[in-house]
């Protein structure tokens, strides 16, 4: 499971989905839409279930992509209640 709170100059969005390649691509799309004005004004708070280890490389790549574009990313674990 992955949860993200994306905030930017046009407002904010809460995103929650299973950790699948499709859903990671959807997250990427939402963040790109938020940073259309200025990536440095976008903040992403990302929480994920560490049991989804198979997609950890994909998630790591996505985080690196965001930070390389100047997006502030904060990463944490989901609490047990979300599992």
N, C-alpha and C. Protein backbone atom coordinates (compact mmCIF):
# COMPACT_ATOMS: atom_id res chain seq x y z
N UNK A 1 0.84 -1.17 0.00
CA UNK A 1 0.00 0.00 0.00
C UNK A 1 0.88 1.24 0.00
N UNK A 2 0.44 2.25 -0.72
CA UNK A 2 1.16 3.52 -0.77
C UNK A 2 0.17 4.65 -0.55
N UNK A 3 0.60 5.65 0.21
CA UNK A 3 -0.21 6.84 0.44
C UNK A 3 0.68 8.04 0.16
N UNK A 4 0.10 9.04 -0.45
CA UNK A 4 0.86 10.26 -0.72
C UNK A 4 -0.03 11.47 -0.52
N UNK A 5 0.55 12.48 0.07
CA UNK A 5 -0.11 13.79 0.15
C UNK A 5 0.75 14.72 -0.70
N UNK A 6 0.16 15.19 -1.78
CA UNK A 6 0.86 16.04 -2.73
C UNK A 6 0.32 17.46 -2.57
N UNK A 7 1.19 18.41 -2.26
CA UNK A 7 0.73 19.79 -2.16
C UNK A 7 1.59 20.66 -3.07
N UNK A 8 0.91 21.56 -3.74
CA UNK A 8 1.57 22.46 -4.67
C UNK A 8 0.83 23.77 -4.77
N UNK A 9 1.21 24.59 -5.75
CA UNK A 9 0.63 25.92 -5.87
C UNK A 9 -0.87 25.92 -6.20
N UNK A 10 -1.38 24.83 -6.72
CA UNK A 10 -2.80 24.76 -7.09
C UNK A 10 -3.66 24.02 -6.08
N UNK A 11 -3.10 23.65 -4.93
CA UNK A 11 -3.87 22.93 -3.93
C UNK A 11 -3.16 21.65 -3.52
N UNK A 12 -3.94 20.72 -2.98
CA UNK A 12 -3.34 19.48 -2.52
C UNK A 12 -4.20 18.28 -2.93
N UNK A 13 -3.57 17.12 -2.90
CA UNK A 13 -4.24 15.88 -3.29
C UNK A 13 -3.75 14.76 -2.38
N UNK A 14 -4.67 13.95 -1.93
CA UNK A 14 -4.33 12.75 -1.17
C UNK A 14 -4.50 11.56 -2.12
N UNK A 15 -3.49 10.70 -2.19
CA UNK A 15 -3.51 9.56 -3.09
C UNK A 15 -3.23 8.30 -2.27
N UNK A 16 -4.05 7.28 -2.42
CA UNK A 16 -3.85 6.01 -1.73
C UNK A 16 -4.16 4.89 -2.70
N UNK A 17 -3.26 3.91 -2.77
CA UNK A 17 -3.44 2.82 -3.73
C UNK A 17 -2.53 1.65 -3.35
N UNK A 18 -2.80 0.49 -3.93
CA UNK A 18 -1.86 -0.62 -3.77
C UNK A 18 -0.52 -0.25 -4.40
N UNK A 19 0.54 -0.86 -3.96
CA UNK A 19 1.85 -0.59 -4.55
C UNK A 19 2.02 -1.52 -5.75
N UNK A 20 1.58 -1.05 -6.90
CA UNK A 20 1.74 -1.78 -8.16
C UNK A 20 2.40 -0.84 -9.17
N UNK A 21 3.01 -1.38 -10.22
CA UNK A 21 3.60 -0.49 -11.22
C UNK A 21 2.58 0.50 -11.80
N UNK A 22 1.36 0.06 -12.01
CA UNK A 22 0.31 0.92 -12.53
C UNK A 22 0.03 2.09 -11.58
N UNK A 23 -0.09 1.79 -10.30
CA UNK A 23 -0.39 2.83 -9.31
C UNK A 23 0.78 3.77 -9.07
N UNK A 24 2.01 3.26 -9.19
CA UNK A 24 3.17 4.15 -9.09
C UNK A 24 3.19 5.12 -10.28
N UNK A 25 2.79 4.65 -11.45
CA UNK A 25 2.71 5.53 -12.62
C UNK A 25 1.62 6.58 -12.43
N UNK A 26 0.50 6.19 -11.83
CA UNK A 26 -0.56 7.16 -11.52
C UNK A 26 -0.05 8.22 -10.55
N UNK A 27 0.71 7.80 -9.56
CA UNK A 27 1.29 8.75 -8.61
C UNK A 27 2.20 9.72 -9.35
N UNK A 28 3.05 9.20 -10.23
CA UNK A 28 3.93 10.05 -11.03
C UNK A 28 3.12 11.09 -11.81
N UNK A 29 2.02 10.66 -12.41
CA UNK A 29 1.17 11.57 -13.19
C UNK A 29 0.61 12.68 -12.31
N UNK A 30 0.13 12.33 -11.13
CA UNK A 30 -0.42 13.35 -10.22
C UNK A 30 0.64 14.35 -9.79
N UNK A 31 1.84 13.87 -9.52
CA UNK A 31 2.92 14.78 -9.11
C UNK A 31 3.32 15.68 -10.28
N UNK A 32 3.39 15.13 -11.48
CA UNK A 32 3.71 15.95 -12.66
C UNK A 32 2.68 17.05 -12.86
N UNK A 33 1.41 16.73 -12.66
CA UNK A 33 0.36 17.73 -12.79
C UNK A 33 0.52 18.82 -11.73
N UNK A 34 0.92 18.44 -10.53
CA UNK A 34 1.09 19.41 -9.45
C UNK A 34 2.29 20.32 -9.70
N UNK A 35 3.32 19.82 -10.39
CA UNK A 35 4.53 20.63 -10.57
C UNK A 35 4.58 21.34 -11.92
N UNK A 36 3.44 21.48 -12.58
CA UNK A 36 3.43 22.12 -13.89
C UNK A 36 3.86 23.58 -13.83
N UNK A 37 3.70 24.23 -12.69
CA UNK A 37 4.10 25.63 -12.55
C UNK A 37 5.55 25.72 -12.08
N UNK A 38 5.84 25.09 -10.97
CA UNK A 38 7.18 25.14 -10.39
C UNK A 38 7.41 23.93 -9.48
N UNK A 39 8.29 23.02 -9.90
CA UNK A 39 8.55 21.84 -9.06
C UNK A 39 8.99 22.19 -7.65
N UNK A 40 9.69 23.30 -7.49
CA UNK A 40 10.19 23.67 -6.16
C UNK A 40 9.08 24.09 -5.21
N UNK A 41 7.88 24.27 -5.71
CA UNK A 41 6.75 24.61 -4.87
C UNK A 41 5.92 23.38 -4.51
N UNK A 42 6.36 22.21 -4.93
CA UNK A 42 5.62 20.97 -4.70
C UNK A 42 6.28 20.17 -3.58
N UNK A 43 5.44 19.64 -2.70
CA UNK A 43 5.91 18.80 -1.59
C UNK A 43 5.12 17.50 -1.63
N UNK A 44 5.82 16.39 -1.48
CA UNK A 44 5.17 15.08 -1.48
C UNK A 44 5.52 14.38 -0.17
N UNK A 45 4.50 14.05 0.58
CA UNK A 45 4.69 13.23 1.78
C UNK A 45 4.25 11.83 1.39
N UNK A 46 5.17 10.91 1.41
CA UNK A 46 4.96 9.57 0.89
C UNK A 46 5.10 8.55 2.01
N UNK A 47 4.11 7.69 2.14
CA UNK A 47 4.15 6.59 3.12
C UNK A 47 3.85 5.30 2.39
N UNK A 48 4.59 4.27 2.75
CA UNK A 48 4.36 3.00 2.08
C UNK A 48 4.59 1.84 3.03
N UNK A 49 4.03 0.72 2.65
CA UNK A 49 4.15 -0.51 3.41
C UNK A 49 5.45 -1.19 3.01
N UNK A 50 6.34 -1.36 3.94
CA UNK A 50 7.65 -1.94 3.62
C UNK A 50 7.57 -3.42 3.23
N UNK A 51 6.41 -4.03 3.38
CA UNK A 51 6.29 -5.43 2.96
C UNK A 51 6.22 -5.54 1.43
N UNK A 52 6.04 -4.42 0.75
CA UNK A 52 6.01 -4.41 -0.71
C UNK A 52 7.43 -4.30 -1.28
N UNK A 53 8.30 -5.17 -0.85
CA UNK A 53 9.72 -5.10 -1.20
C UNK A 53 9.99 -5.34 -2.68
N UNK A 54 9.13 -6.08 -3.35
CA UNK A 54 9.36 -6.39 -4.76
C UNK A 54 9.39 -5.11 -5.61
N UNK A 55 8.64 -4.10 -5.20
CA UNK A 55 8.59 -2.86 -5.97
C UNK A 55 9.45 -1.76 -5.36
N UNK A 56 10.26 -2.09 -4.39
CA UNK A 56 11.12 -1.10 -3.75
C UNK A 56 12.04 -0.39 -4.75
N UNK A 57 12.64 -1.10 -5.71
CA UNK A 57 13.47 -0.39 -6.70
C UNK A 57 12.66 0.63 -7.52
N UNK A 58 11.43 0.29 -7.87
CA UNK A 58 10.58 1.21 -8.63
C UNK A 58 10.27 2.45 -7.79
N UNK A 59 9.96 2.24 -6.53
CA UNK A 59 9.64 3.34 -5.63
C UNK A 59 10.86 4.23 -5.40
N UNK A 60 12.01 3.62 -5.23
CA UNK A 60 13.25 4.37 -5.05
C UNK A 60 13.54 5.22 -6.28
N UNK A 61 13.35 4.65 -7.44
CA UNK A 61 13.56 5.37 -8.69
C UNK A 61 12.61 6.57 -8.81
N UNK A 62 11.38 6.37 -8.42
CA UNK A 62 10.39 7.44 -8.47
C UNK A 62 10.76 8.58 -7.52
N UNK A 63 11.20 8.25 -6.32
CA UNK A 63 11.61 9.26 -5.35
C UNK A 63 12.81 10.04 -5.88
N UNK A 64 13.76 9.35 -6.48
CA UNK A 64 14.93 10.02 -7.06
C UNK A 64 14.53 10.95 -8.20
N UNK A 65 13.58 10.51 -9.01
CA UNK A 65 13.08 11.35 -10.10
C UNK A 65 12.48 12.64 -9.55
N UNK A 66 11.65 12.51 -8.53
CA UNK A 66 11.01 13.68 -7.94
C UNK A 66 12.05 14.64 -7.38
N UNK A 67 12.98 14.13 -6.60
CA UNK A 67 13.97 15.01 -5.97
C UNK A 67 14.90 15.64 -7.01
N UNK A 68 15.20 14.93 -8.07
CA UNK A 68 16.03 15.49 -9.14
C UNK A 68 15.34 16.67 -9.82
N UNK A 69 14.03 16.67 -9.82
CA UNK A 69 13.26 17.77 -10.42
C UNK A 69 13.03 18.91 -9.43
N UNK A 70 13.54 18.78 -8.21
CA UNK A 70 13.42 19.84 -7.22
C UNK A 70 12.22 19.71 -6.31
N UNK A 71 11.53 18.58 -6.37
CA UNK A 71 10.36 18.35 -5.54
C UNK A 71 10.81 17.86 -4.17
N UNK A 72 10.27 18.45 -3.12
CA UNK A 72 10.59 18.02 -1.76
C UNK A 72 9.79 16.75 -1.45
N UNK A 73 10.50 15.69 -1.05
CA UNK A 73 9.85 14.41 -0.75
C UNK A 73 10.21 13.99 0.67
N UNK A 74 9.19 13.66 1.44
CA UNK A 74 9.38 13.12 2.79
C UNK A 74 8.80 11.71 2.78
N UNK A 75 9.59 10.75 3.24
CA UNK A 75 9.20 9.35 3.16
C UNK A 75 9.05 8.76 4.55
N UNK A 76 8.02 7.94 4.72
CA UNK A 76 7.79 7.25 5.99
C UNK A 76 7.07 5.94 5.77
N UNK A 77 6.90 5.21 6.83
CA UNK A 77 6.18 3.93 6.78
C UNK A 77 4.73 4.12 7.14
N UNK A 78 3.90 3.26 6.57
CA UNK A 78 2.50 3.23 6.98
C UNK A 78 2.42 2.61 8.36
N UNK A 79 1.48 3.05 9.14
CA UNK A 79 1.25 2.44 10.45
C UNK A 79 0.58 1.10 10.27
N UNK A 80 0.67 0.26 11.27
CA UNK A 80 0.09 -1.09 11.22
C UNK A 80 -1.41 -1.07 10.96
N UNK A 81 -2.11 -0.03 11.37
CA UNK A 81 -3.56 0.05 11.17
C UNK A 81 -3.95 0.10 9.71
N UNK A 82 -3.04 0.49 8.84
CA UNK A 82 -3.32 0.61 7.42
C UNK A 82 -3.13 -0.71 6.68
N UNK A 83 -2.56 -1.68 7.31
CA UNK A 83 -2.24 -2.95 6.62
C UNK A 83 -3.44 -3.84 6.50
